[in-house]
């Protein structure tokens, strides 16, 4: 499948910088400013279309996935000026509104790639989402954006099956919980083990064989990942035959990242993208982790460049 030669859409808002996690927290606004700078400094900048999230109410889609009481708890914590869901997951006064905006951006991404002339796009948003479970946020995550987007996509007439590929170095326990009982959604994760949050064993296969967990040893490099892509990831996804592939695009598996011990290089993500192109006619990327500014920016550039190459 050849990639579209048109503009590649980045859905981004400076409002995402307003989710203030506090001094020294690794999931901070600098992550996004680093990616924006890297994209605008690279020759692919002329191929990019920057779009603000639409003015929409994402709550129906959020409440279809999360416990509405939990969503209300997020609102209340923000309304009183902020607080913590756990030791790693703070909210400030703006965090609830920004989490809703991030979810809305992911829904916009679905709408975009399902338009007849679009095949891909990148949601450059925070807070990330793949650790957020039905009734509990954790691991820097408030709302499970990829799961929300996948459920929303299935409500569109053109989509019967959605696959989620999670290449963040940490297992997406929230995503798995929220899609693992769905016959029309498949979830595949490559993640370091042992590592936070401790889930993602091979034996966790979902209610319908729709989950594929691929633990990676600390110190893994590209050749280890490529072998798993060729032997497990691609056969699993291709057998599922999705109409849409959503990528939970975390970049904390780079060698420079301070929060894990896998040794990928930024260029490797371009190779992952090229490997995945034949899986589905539509492919949407959304930011998850990645905490070394330089490696994060380079990795996003390589991901998009990998898509834009024919």
C-alpha atoms as a PDB file:
ATOM      1  CA  UNK A   1       0.000   0.000   0.000  1.00  0.00           C
ATOM      2  CA  UNK A   2       1.469   3.341  -0.997  1.00  0.00           C
ATOM      3  CA  UNK A   3       1.105   6.217   1.389  1.00  0.00           C
ATOM      4  CA  UNK A   4      -0.816   9.279   0.425  1.00  0.00           C
ATOM      5  CA  UNK A   5       1.278  12.012  -1.172  1.00  0.00           C
ATOM      6  CA  UNK A   6      -0.908  14.764   0.348  1.00  0.00           C
ATOM      7  CA  UNK A   7      -0.349  16.671   3.557  1.00  0.00           C
ATOM      8  CA  UNK A   8       0.054  14.673   6.744  1.00  0.00           C
ATOM      9  CA  UNK A   9      -2.172  16.051   9.497  1.00  0.00           C
ATOM     10  CA  UNK A  10      -0.897  16.801  12.998  1.00  0.00           C
ATOM     11  CA  UNK A  11      -3.681  17.441  15.508  1.00  0.00           C
ATOM     12  CA  UNK A  12      -2.195  19.648  18.198  1.00  0.00           C
ATOM     13  CA  UNK A  13      -3.057  22.500  20.530  1.00  0.00           C
ATOM     14  CA  UNK A  14      -0.861  24.610  22.768  1.00  0.00           C
ATOM     15  CA  UNK A  15      -3.535  24.038  25.406  1.00  0.00           C
ATOM     16  CA  UNK A  16      -2.041  20.570  25.893  1.00  0.00           C
ATOM     17  CA  UNK A  17       0.882  22.334  27.571  1.00  0.00           C
ATOM     18  CA  UNK A  18      -1.448  23.485  30.370  1.00  0.00           C
ATOM     19  CA  UNK A  19      -1.617  20.045  32.011  1.00  0.00           C
ATOM     20  CA  UNK A  20       0.885  20.922  34.746  1.00  0.00           C
ATOM     21  CA  UNK A  21       2.357  17.842  36.431  1.00  0.00           C
ATOM     22  CA  UNK A  22       4.729  19.722  38.706  1.00  0.00           C
ATOM     23  CA  UNK A  23       8.444  20.305  38.993  1.00  0.00           C
ATOM     24  CA  UNK A  24      10.575  17.340  37.952  1.00  0.00           C
ATOM     25  CA  UNK A  25       7.775  15.159  36.622  1.00  0.00           C
ATOM     26  CA  UNK A  26       8.895  13.293  33.472  1.00  0.00           C
ATOM     27  CA  UNK A  27       5.516  13.676  31.723  1.00  0.00           C
ATOM     28  CA  UNK A  28       5.611  17.419  31.174  1.00  0.00           C
ATOM     29  CA  UNK A  29       4.893  20.084  28.589  1.00  0.00           C
ATOM     30  CA  UNK A  30       8.473  20.006  27.332  1.00  0.00           C
ATOM     31  CA  UNK A  31       7.736  16.714  25.655  1.00  0.00           C
ATOM     32  CA  UNK A  32       5.342  18.369  23.218  1.00  0.00           C
ATOM     33  CA  UNK A  33       7.417  21.477  22.613  1.00  0.00           C
ATOM     34  CA  UNK A  34      10.365  19.207  21.762  1.00  0.00           C
ATOM     35  CA  UNK A  35       8.314  17.290  19.204  1.00  0.00           C
ATOM     36  CA  UNK A  36       6.894  20.465  17.666  1.00  0.00           C
ATOM     37  CA  UNK A  37      10.394  21.922  17.313  1.00  0.00           C
ATOM     38  CA  UNK A  38      11.759  18.721  15.750  1.00  0.00           C
ATOM     39  CA  UNK A  39       8.934  18.514  13.216  1.00  0.00           C
ATOM     40  CA  UNK A  40       9.163  22.165  12.211  1.00  0.00           C
ATOM     41  CA  UNK A  41      12.952  21.987  11.792  1.00  0.00           C
ATOM     42  CA  UNK A  42      12.860  18.922   9.541  1.00  0.00           C
ATOM     43  CA  UNK A  43      12.373  18.949   5.754  1.00  0.00           C
ATOM     44  CA  UNK A  44       9.093  17.033   6.181  1.00  0.00           C
ATOM     45  CA  UNK A  45       7.659  20.243   7.677  1.00  0.00           C
ATOM     46  CA  UNK A  46       6.423  21.253   4.237  1.00  0.00           C
ATOM     47  CA  UNK A  47       4.331  18.075   4.106  1.00  0.00           C
ATOM     48  CA  UNK A  48       2.626  18.676   7.459  1.00  0.00           C
ATOM     49  CA  UNK A  49      -0.771  20.235   8.112  1.00  0.00           C
ATOM     50  CA  UNK A  50      -1.243  21.486  11.686  1.00  0.00           C
ATOM     51  CA  UNK A  51      -4.843  21.442  12.925  1.00  0.00           C
ATOM     52  CA  UNK A  52      -6.397  22.394  16.268  1.00  0.00           C
ATOM     53  CA  UNK A  53      -8.836  19.908  17.849  1.00  0.00           C
ATOM     54  CA  UNK A  54     -12.435  20.612  16.921  1.00  0.00           C
ATOM     55  CA  UNK A  55     -14.877  22.144  19.372  1.00  0.00           C
ATOM     56  CA  UNK A  56     -16.740  18.978  20.306  1.00  0.00           C
ATOM     57  CA  UNK A  57     -18.079  17.222  23.390  1.00  0.00           C
ATOM     58  CA  UNK A  58     -16.147  13.960  23.838  1.00  0.00           C
ATOM     59  CA  UNK A  59     -17.963  12.919  27.031  1.00  0.00           C
ATOM     60  CA  UNK A  60     -20.407  10.486  25.376  1.00  0.00           C
ATOM     61  CA  UNK A  61     -17.467   8.580  23.875  1.00  0.00           C
ATOM     62  CA  UNK A  62     -15.474   8.797  27.112  1.00  0.00           C
ATOM     63  CA  UNK A  63     -18.369   7.579  29.256  1.00  0.00           C
ATOM     64  CA  UNK A  64     -18.961   4.691  26.862  1.00  0.00           C
ATOM     65  CA  UNK A  65     -15.528   3.376  27.885  1.00  0.00           C
ATOM     66  CA  UNK A  66     -14.851   4.725  31.385  1.00  0.00           C
ATOM     67  CA  UNK A  67     -16.975   4.626  34.529  1.00  0.00           C
ATOM     68  CA  UNK A  68     -18.824   7.981  34.496  1.00  0.00           C
ATOM     69  CA  UNK A  69     -18.254   8.198  38.251  1.00  0.00           C
ATOM     70  CA  UNK A  70     -14.503   8.079  37.646  1.00  0.00           C
ATOM     71  CA  UNK A  71     -14.750  10.818  35.012  1.00  0.00           C
ATOM     72  CA  UNK A  72     -16.672  12.919  37.527  1.00  0.00           C
ATOM     73  CA  UNK A  73     -13.913  12.300  40.066  1.00  0.00           C
ATOM     74  CA  UNK A  74     -11.373  13.757  37.624  1.00  0.00           C
ATOM     75  CA  UNK A  75     -13.561  16.816  37.221  1.00  0.00           C
ATOM     76  CA  UNK A  76     -13.882  17.274  40.985  1.00  0.00           C
ATOM     77  CA  UNK A  77     -10.151  16.928  41.642  1.00  0.00           C
ATOM     78  CA  UNK A  78      -9.404  19.577  39.028  1.00  0.00           C
ATOM     79  CA  UNK A  79     -12.174  21.835  40.317  1.00  0.00           C
ATOM     80  CA  UNK A  80     -10.572  21.963  43.752  1.00  0.00           C
ATOM     81  CA  UNK A  81      -7.236  22.971  42.215  1.00  0.00           C
ATOM     82  CA  UNK A  82      -5.663  19.587  41.573  1.00  0.00           C
ATOM     83  CA  UNK A  83      -4.464  16.484  43.356  1.00  0.00           C
ATOM     84  CA  UNK A  84      -3.137  12.982  42.695  1.00  0.00           C
ATOM     85  CA  UNK A  85      -4.746   9.777  41.411  1.00  0.00           C
ATOM     86  CA  UNK A  86      -1.638   7.925  42.592  1.00  0.00           C
ATOM     87  CA  UNK A  87       1.939   8.872  43.366  1.00  0.00           C
ATOM     88  CA  UNK A  88       2.774   9.212  39.667  1.00  0.00           C
ATOM     89  CA  UNK A  89      -0.390  10.786  38.299  1.00  0.00           C
ATOM     90  CA  UNK A  90      -1.089  14.388  39.266  1.00  0.00           C
ATOM     91  CA  UNK A  91      -3.818  16.735  38.113  1.00  0.00           C
ATOM     92  CA  UNK A  92      -3.806  20.526  38.151  1.00  0.00           C
ATOM     93  CA  UNK A  93      -6.826  22.811  37.877  1.00  0.00           C
ATOM     94  CA  UNK A  94      -6.723  22.606  34.060  1.00  0.00           C
ATOM     95  CA  UNK A  95      -6.103  18.857  33.779  1.00  0.00           C
ATOM     96  CA  UNK A  96      -9.711  17.698  33.419  1.00  0.00           C
ATOM     97  CA  UNK A  97     -10.392  20.091  30.554  1.00  0.00           C
ATOM     98  CA  UNK A  98      -7.102  19.204  28.874  1.00  0.00           C
ATOM     99  CA  UNK A  99      -7.795  15.467  29.202  1.00  0.00           C
ATOM    100  CA  UNK A 100     -11.154  16.022  27.505  1.00  0.00           C
ATOM    101  CA  UNK A 101      -9.430  18.026  24.774  1.00  0.00           C
ATOM    102  CA  UNK A 102      -6.930  15.204  24.244  1.00  0.00           C
ATOM    103  CA  UNK A 103      -9.739  12.658  23.919  1.00  0.00           C
ATOM    104  CA  UNK A 104     -11.502  14.989  21.481  1.00  0.00           C
ATOM    105  CA  UNK A 105      -8.303  15.224  19.423  1.00  0.00           C
ATOM    106  CA  UNK A 106      -8.165  11.428  19.143  1.00  0.00           C
ATOM    107  CA  UNK A 107     -11.796  11.412  17.967  1.00  0.00           C
ATOM    108  CA  UNK A 108     -10.899  14.095  15.431  1.00  0.00           C
ATOM    109  CA  UNK A 109      -8.105  11.829  14.253  1.00  0.00           C
ATOM    110  CA  UNK A 110     -10.589   9.035  13.616  1.00  0.00           C
ATOM    111  CA  UNK A 111     -12.860  11.393  11.683  1.00  0.00           C
ATOM    112  CA  UNK A 112      -9.892  12.604   9.650  1.00  0.00           C
ATOM    113  CA  UNK A 113      -8.544   9.204   8.598  1.00  0.00           C
ATOM    114  CA  UNK A 114     -12.035   8.003   7.735  1.00  0.00           C
ATOM    115  CA  UNK A 115     -12.519  10.828   5.268  1.00  0.00           C
ATOM    116  CA  UNK A 116     -12.125   9.485   1.753  1.00  0.00           C
ATOM    117  CA  UNK A 117      -8.940  11.396   0.923  1.00  0.00           C
ATOM    118  CA  UNK A 118      -6.992  10.726   4.137  1.00  0.00           C
ATOM    119  CA  UNK A 119      -5.059   7.655   5.188  1.00  0.00           C
ATOM    120  CA  UNK A 120      -3.141   8.714   8.299  1.00  0.00           C
ATOM    121  CA  UNK A 121      -2.476  11.388  10.894  1.00  0.00           C
ATOM    122  CA  UNK A 122      -0.763  11.971  14.243  1.00  0.00           C
ATOM    123  CA  UNK A 123      -2.412  13.054  17.499  1.00  0.00           C
ATOM    124  CA  UNK A 124       0.186  15.139  19.328  1.00  0.00           C
ATOM    125  CA  UNK A 125      -1.549  15.414  22.689  1.00  0.00           C
ATOM    126  CA  UNK A 126      -1.100  14.890  26.395  1.00  0.00           C
ATOM    127  CA  UNK A 127      -1.811  13.566  28.974  1.00  0.00           C
ATOM    128  CA  UNK A 128      -1.165  10.073  27.598  1.00  0.00           C
ATOM    129  CA  UNK A 129      -3.739   7.349  28.062  1.00  0.00           C
ATOM    130  CA  UNK A 130      -2.877   3.681  27.757  1.00  0.00           C
ATOM    131  CA  UNK A 131      -2.581   2.970  31.507  1.00  0.00           C
ATOM    132  CA  UNK A 132      -5.992   4.459  32.379  1.00  0.00           C
ATOM    133  CA  UNK A 133      -8.457   1.708  33.279  1.00  0.00           C
ATOM    134  CA  UNK A 134     -12.259   1.697  33.411  1.00  0.00           C
ATOM    135  CA  UNK A 135     -12.455   3.387  36.789  1.00  0.00           C
ATOM    136  CA  UNK A 136      -8.907   4.409  37.621  1.00  0.00           C
ATOM    137  CA  UNK A 137      -6.181   6.557  36.083  1.00  0.00           C
ATOM    138  CA  UNK A 138      -2.548   5.663  36.735  1.00  0.00           C
ATOM    139  CA  UNK A 139       0.930   5.812  35.230  1.00  0.00           C
ATOM    140  CA  UNK A 140       0.626   9.471  34.099  1.00  0.00           C
ATOM    141  CA  UNK A 141      -2.642   8.614  32.288  1.00  0.00           C
ATOM    142  CA  UNK A 142      -6.122  10.036  32.900  1.00  0.00           C
ATOM    143  CA  UNK A 143      -8.296   8.805  29.995  1.00  0.00           C
ATOM    144  CA  UNK A 144      -7.646   5.804  27.762  1.00  0.00           C
ATOM    145  CA  UNK A 145      -7.497   7.667  24.469  1.00  0.00           C
ATOM    146  CA  UNK A 146      -6.700   4.764  22.143  1.00  0.00           C
ATOM    147  CA  UNK A 147      -9.521   2.633  23.554  1.00  0.00           C
ATOM    148  CA  UNK A 148     -11.947   5.567  23.374  1.00  0.00           C
ATOM    149  CA  UNK A 149     -10.945   6.155  19.759  1.00  0.00           C
ATOM    150  CA  UNK A 150     -11.283   2.481  18.829  1.00  0.00           C
ATOM    151  CA  UNK A 151     -14.788   2.199  20.284  1.00  0.00           C
ATOM    152  CA  UNK A 152     -15.765   5.443  18.541  1.00  0.00           C
ATOM    153  CA  UNK A 153     -14.395   4.172  15.225  1.00  0.00           C
ATOM    154  CA  UNK A 154     -16.594   1.085  15.380  1.00  0.00           C
ATOM    155  CA  UNK A 155     -19.653   3.343  15.419  1.00  0.00           C
ATOM    156  CA  UNK A 156     -18.708   4.679  11.971  1.00  0.00           C
ATOM    157  CA  UNK A 157     -20.263   2.891   9.023  1.00  0.00           C
ATOM    158  CA  UNK A 158     -16.978   2.248   7.214  1.00  0.00           C
ATOM    159  CA  UNK A 159     -15.327   0.409  10.112  1.00  0.00           C
ATOM    160  CA  UNK A 160     -16.024  -3.159  11.208  1.00  0.00           C
ATOM    161  CA  UNK A 161     -12.709  -4.090  12.816  1.00  0.00           C
ATOM    162  CA  UNK A 162     -10.076  -1.976  14.575  1.00  0.00           C
ATOM    163  CA  UNK A 163      -6.606  -3.042  15.682  1.00  0.00           C
ATOM    164  CA  UNK A 164      -4.445  -1.216  18.222  1.00  0.00           C
ATOM    165  CA  UNK A 165      -0.673  -1.628  18.122  1.00  0.00           C
ATOM    166  CA  UNK A 166       1.053  -0.383  21.266  1.00  0.00           C
ATOM    167  CA  UNK A 167       4.804   0.028  20.902  1.00  0.00           C
ATOM    168  CA  UNK A 168       5.263   2.063  24.089  1.00  0.00           C
ATOM    169  CA  UNK A 169       7.881   0.374  26.292  1.00  0.00           C
ATOM    170  CA  UNK A 170       5.256  -0.116  29.038  1.00  0.00           C
ATOM    171  CA  UNK A 171       2.289  -2.422  28.691  1.00  0.00           C
ATOM    172  CA  UNK A 172      -1.019  -0.660  28.074  1.00  0.00           C
ATOM    173  CA  UNK A 173      -2.973  -2.295  30.858  1.00  0.00           C
ATOM    174  CA  UNK A 174      -5.817   0.195  30.506  1.00  0.00           C
ATOM    175  CA  UNK A 175      -6.211  -0.295  26.770  1.00  0.00           C
ATOM    176  CA  UNK A 176      -6.153  -4.067  27.171  1.00  0.00           C
ATOM    177  CA  UNK A 177      -8.782  -3.963  29.906  1.00  0.00           C
ATOM    178  CA  UNK A 178     -11.080  -1.750  27.849  1.00  0.00           C
ATOM    179  CA  UNK A 179     -10.886  -3.708  24.572  1.00  0.00           C
ATOM    180  CA  UNK A 180      -9.973  -7.230  25.678  1.00  0.00           C
ATOM    181  CA  UNK A 181     -13.575  -8.461  25.608  1.00  0.00           C
ATOM    182  CA  UNK A 182     -14.372  -7.019  22.181  1.00  0.00           C
ATOM    183  CA  UNK A 183     -14.685  -9.245  19.132  1.00  0.00           C
ATOM    184  CA  UNK A 184     -14.168  -6.281  16.785  1.00  0.00           C
ATOM    185  CA  UNK A 185     -11.044  -4.813  18.416  1.00  0.00           C
ATOM    186  CA  UNK A 186      -7.619  -6.445  18.549  1.00  0.00           C
ATOM    187  CA  UNK A 187      -4.799  -5.275  20.801  1.00  0.00           C
ATOM    188  CA  UNK A 188      -1.098  -6.042  20.297  1.00  0.00           C
ATOM    189  CA  UNK A 189       1.596  -4.756  22.642  1.00  0.00           C
ATOM    190  CA  UNK A 190       5.384  -5.003  22.637  1.00  0.00           C
ATOM    191  CA  UNK A 191       6.692  -3.977  26.040  1.00  0.00           C
ATOM    192  CA  UNK A 192       9.628  -4.423  28.362  1.00  0.00           C
ATOM    193  CA  UNK A 193       9.191  -7.097  30.993  1.00  0.00           C
ATOM    194  CA  UNK A 194       9.785  -6.864  33.862  1.00  0.00           C
ATOM    195  CA  UNK A 195       8.652  -3.250  34.024  1.00  0.00           C
ATOM    196  CA  UNK A 196       5.755  -1.057  35.122  1.00  0.00           C
ATOM    197  CA  UNK A 197       2.843  -1.848  35.426  1.00  0.00           C
ATOM    198  CA  UNK A 198       3.600  -5.579  35.648  1.00  0.00           C
ATOM    199  CA  UNK A 199       0.865  -6.700  33.248  1.00  0.00           C
ATOM    200  CA  UNK A 200       1.114  -7.980  29.708  1.00  0.00           C
ATOM    201  CA  UNK A 201       2.036 -11.624  30.082  1.00  0.00           C
ATOM    202  CA  UNK A 202       1.933 -13.831  26.999  1.00  0.00           C
ATOM    203  CA  UNK A 203      -0.916 -15.756  28.605  1.00  0.00           C
ATOM    204  CA  UNK A 204      -3.156 -12.659  28.552  1.00  0.00           C
ATOM    205  CA  UNK A 205      -4.909 -13.215  25.223  1.00  0.00           C
ATOM    206  CA  UNK A 206      -8.290 -11.519  25.648  1.00  0.00           C
ATOM    207  CA  UNK A 207     -11.761 -13.030  25.747  1.00  0.00           C
ATOM    208  CA  UNK A 208     -11.707 -13.879  22.037  1.00  0.00           C
ATOM    209  CA  UNK A 209      -8.013 -14.406  21.311  1.00  0.00           C
ATOM    210  CA  UNK A 210      -7.953 -10.738  20.338  1.00  0.00           C
ATOM    211  CA  UNK A 211      -4.967  -9.757  22.521  1.00  0.00           C
ATOM    212  CA  UNK A 212      -1.325 -10.450  21.679  1.00  0.00           C
ATOM    213  CA  UNK A 213       1.236  -9.551  24.324  1.00  0.00           C
ATOM    214  CA  UNK A 214       4.915  -9.665  23.401  1.00  0.00           C
ATOM    215  CA  UNK A 215       7.239  -9.104  26.367  1.00  0.00           C
ATOM    216  CA  UNK A 216      10.683  -7.786  25.424  1.00  0.00           C
ATOM    217  CA  UNK A 217      13.773  -8.301  27.543  1.00  0.00           C
ATOM    218  CA  UNK A 218      15.686  -5.310  28.900  1.00  0.00           C
ATOM    219  CA  UNK A 219      18.477  -4.482  26.475  1.00  0.00           C
ATOM    220  CA  UNK A 220      16.458  -5.471  23.395  1.00  0.00           C
ATOM    221  CA  UNK A 221      17.513  -3.802  20.150  1.00  0.00           C
ATOM    222  CA  UNK A 222      15.986  -3.346  16.708  1.00  0.00           C
ATOM    223  CA  UNK A 223      16.847  -6.827  15.438  1.00  0.00           C
ATOM    224  CA  UNK A 224      14.947  -8.304  18.403  1.00  0.00           C
ATOM    225  CA  UNK A 225      11.921  -6.133  17.667  1.00  0.00           C
ATOM    226  CA  UNK A 226      12.039  -6.793  13.932  1.00  0.00           C
ATOM    227  CA  UNK A 227      11.975 -10.536  14.548  1.00  0.00           C
ATOM    228  CA  UNK A 228       8.898 -10.142  16.767  1.00  0.00           C
ATOM    229  CA  UNK A 229       7.221  -7.935  14.167  1.00  0.00           C
ATOM    230  CA  UNK A 230       7.791 -10.486  11.436  1.00  0.00           C
ATOM    231  CA  UNK A 231       6.970 -13.580  13.508  1.00  0.00           C
ATOM    232  CA  UNK A 232       4.154 -12.311  15.757  1.00  0.00           C
ATOM    233  CA  UNK A 233       2.943  -8.738  15.314  1.00  0.00           C
ATOM    234  CA  UNK A 234       2.271  -8.742  11.590  1.00  0.00           C
ATOM    235  CA  UNK A 235       0.731 -12.242  11.407  1.00  0.00           C
ATOM    236  CA  UNK A 236      -1.564 -11.416  14.346  1.00  0.00           C
ATOM    237  CA  UNK A 237      -2.698  -8.099  12.889  1.00  0.00           C
ATOM    238  CA  UNK A 238      -3.034  -9.347   9.325  1.00  0.00           C
ATOM    239  CA  UNK A 239      -5.101 -12.337  10.405  1.00  0.00           C
ATOM    240  CA  UNK A 240      -7.461  -9.951  12.182  1.00  0.00           C
ATOM    241  CA  UNK A 241      -7.847  -7.921   8.953  1.00  0.00           C
ATOM    242  CA  UNK A 242      -8.586  -4.519  10.511  1.00  0.00           C
ATOM    243  CA  UNK A 243     -10.123  -1.647   8.589  1.00  0.00           C
ATOM    244  CA  UNK A 244      -8.130   0.738  10.777  1.00  0.00           C
ATOM    245  CA  UNK A 245      -4.870   0.424  12.704  1.00  0.00           C
ATOM    246  CA  UNK A 246      -4.413   2.724  15.693  1.00  0.00           C
ATOM    247  CA  UNK A 247      -0.850   3.027  16.992  1.00  0.00           C
ATOM    248  CA  UNK A 248      -0.326   3.877  20.649  1.00  0.00           C
ATOM    249  CA  UNK A 249       2.926   5.581  19.765  1.00  0.00           C
ATOM    250  CA  UNK A 250       5.119   5.672  22.843  1.00  0.00           C
ATOM    251  CA  UNK A 251       8.821   6.364  22.423  1.00  0.00           C
ATOM    252  CA  UNK A 252      10.237   5.365  25.790  1.00  0.00           C
ATOM    253  CA  UNK A 253      11.869   2.256  24.324  1.00  0.00           C
ATOM    254  CA  UNK A 254      14.718   4.389  22.959  1.00  0.00           C
ATOM    255  CA  UNK A 255      18.163   3.845  24.455  1.00  0.00           C
ATOM    256  CA  UNK A 256      18.228   7.467  25.672  1.00  0.00           C
ATOM    257  CA  UNK A 257      14.990   7.231  27.630  1.00  0.00           C
ATOM    258  CA  UNK A 258      15.376   7.456  31.423  1.00  0.00           C
ATOM    259  CA  UNK A 259      12.346   5.336  32.365  1.00  0.00           C
ATOM    260  CA  UNK A 260      13.154   1.981  30.766  1.00  0.00           C
ATOM    261  CA  UNK A 261      15.940  -0.261  29.569  1.00  0.00           C
ATOM    262  CA  UNK A 262      15.266  -1.057  25.906  1.00  0.00           C
ATOM    263  CA  UNK A 263      17.795   0.135  23.324  1.00  0.00           C
ATOM    264  CA  UNK A 264      15.907   1.212  20.229  1.00  0.00           C
ATOM    265  CA  UNK A 265      17.043   4.143  18.076  1.00  0.00           C
ATOM    266  CA  UNK A 266      14.724   6.888  16.749  1.00  0.00           C
ATOM    267  CA  UNK A 267      15.153   5.622  13.179  1.00  0.00           C
ATOM    268  CA  UNK A 268      13.718   2.255  14.210  1.00  0.00           C
ATOM    269  CA  UNK A 269      10.236   3.763  14.470  1.00  0.00           C
ATOM    270  CA  UNK A 270      10.304   4.639  10.799  1.00  0.00           C
ATOM    271  CA  UNK A 271      11.028   0.979  10.104  1.00  0.00           C
ATOM    272  CA  UNK A 272       8.112  -0.090  12.336  1.00  0.00           C
ATOM    273  CA  UNK A 273       5.800   2.225  10.402  1.00  0.00           C
ATOM    274  CA  UNK A 274       6.938   0.852   7.054  1.00  0.00           C
ATOM    275  CA  UNK A 275       6.422  -2.713   8.287  1.00  0.00           C
ATOM    276  CA  UNK A 276       2.862  -1.884   9.358  1.00  0.00           C
ATOM    277  CA  UNK A 277       1.727  -0.094   6.193  1.00  0.00           C
ATOM    278  CA  UNK A 278       0.216  -3.232   4.602  1.00  0.00           C
ATOM    279  CA  UNK A 279      -1.855  -4.089   7.699  1.00  0.00           C
ATOM    280  CA  UNK A 280      -4.771  -1.711   7.127  1.00  0.00           C
ATOM    281  CA  UNK A 281      -5.821   0.956   4.624  1.00  0.00           C
ATOM    282  CA  UNK A 282      -6.015   3.559   7.414  1.00  0.00           C
ATOM    283  CA  UNK A 283      -3.457   4.138  10.188  1.00  0.00           C
ATOM    284  CA  UNK A 284      -3.696   6.671  13.024  1.00  0.00           C
ATOM    285  CA  UNK A 285      -0.833   7.477  15.408  1.00  0.00           C
ATOM    286  CA  UNK A 286      -1.298   8.981  18.867  1.00  0.00           C
ATOM    287  CA  UNK A 287       1.386   9.958  21.355  1.00  0.00           C
ATOM    288  CA  UNK A 288       1.853   7.944  24.529  1.00  0.00           C
ATOM    289  CA  UNK A 289       5.196   7.918  26.398  1.00  0.00           C
ATOM    290  CA  UNK A 290       8.729   9.082  25.627  1.00  0.00           C
ATOM    291  CA  UNK A 291      10.684  11.150  28.122  1.00  0.00           C
ATOM    292  CA  UNK A 292      14.009  12.074  26.536  1.00  0.00           C
ATOM    293  CA  UNK A 293      13.251  15.217  24.558  1.00  0.00           C
ATOM    294  CA  UNK A 294      15.789  14.650  21.794  1.00  0.00           C
ATOM    295  CA  UNK A 295      14.967  10.999  21.209  1.00  0.00           C
ATOM    296  CA  UNK A 296      11.244  11.725  21.387  1.00  0.00           C
ATOM    297  CA  UNK A 297      11.370  14.438  18.746  1.00  0.00           C
ATOM    298  CA  UNK A 298      13.548  12.377  16.416  1.00  0.00           C
ATOM    299  CA  UNK A 299      11.357   9.308  16.871  1.00  0.00           C
ATOM    300  CA  UNK A 300       8.154  11.143  15.932  1.00  0.00           C
ATOM    301  CA  UNK A 301       9.899  12.617  12.875  1.00  0.00           C
ATOM    302  CA  UNK A 302      11.008   9.143  11.803  1.00  0.00           C
ATOM    303  CA  UNK A 303       7.538   7.693  12.353  1.00  0.00           C
ATOM    304  CA  UNK A 304       5.910  10.258  10.092  1.00  0.00           C
ATOM    305  CA  UNK A 305       8.716  10.078   7.554  1.00  0.00           C
ATOM    306  CA  UNK A 306       8.232   6.322   7.421  1.00  0.00           C
ATOM    307  CA  UNK A 307       4.592   6.835   6.540  1.00  0.00           C
ATOM    308  CA  UNK A 308       5.270   9.501   3.916  1.00  0.00           C
ATOM    309  CA  UNK A 309       7.745   7.303   2.044  1.00  0.00           C
ATOM    310  CA  UNK A 310       6.172   5.376  -0.814  1.00  0.00           C
END
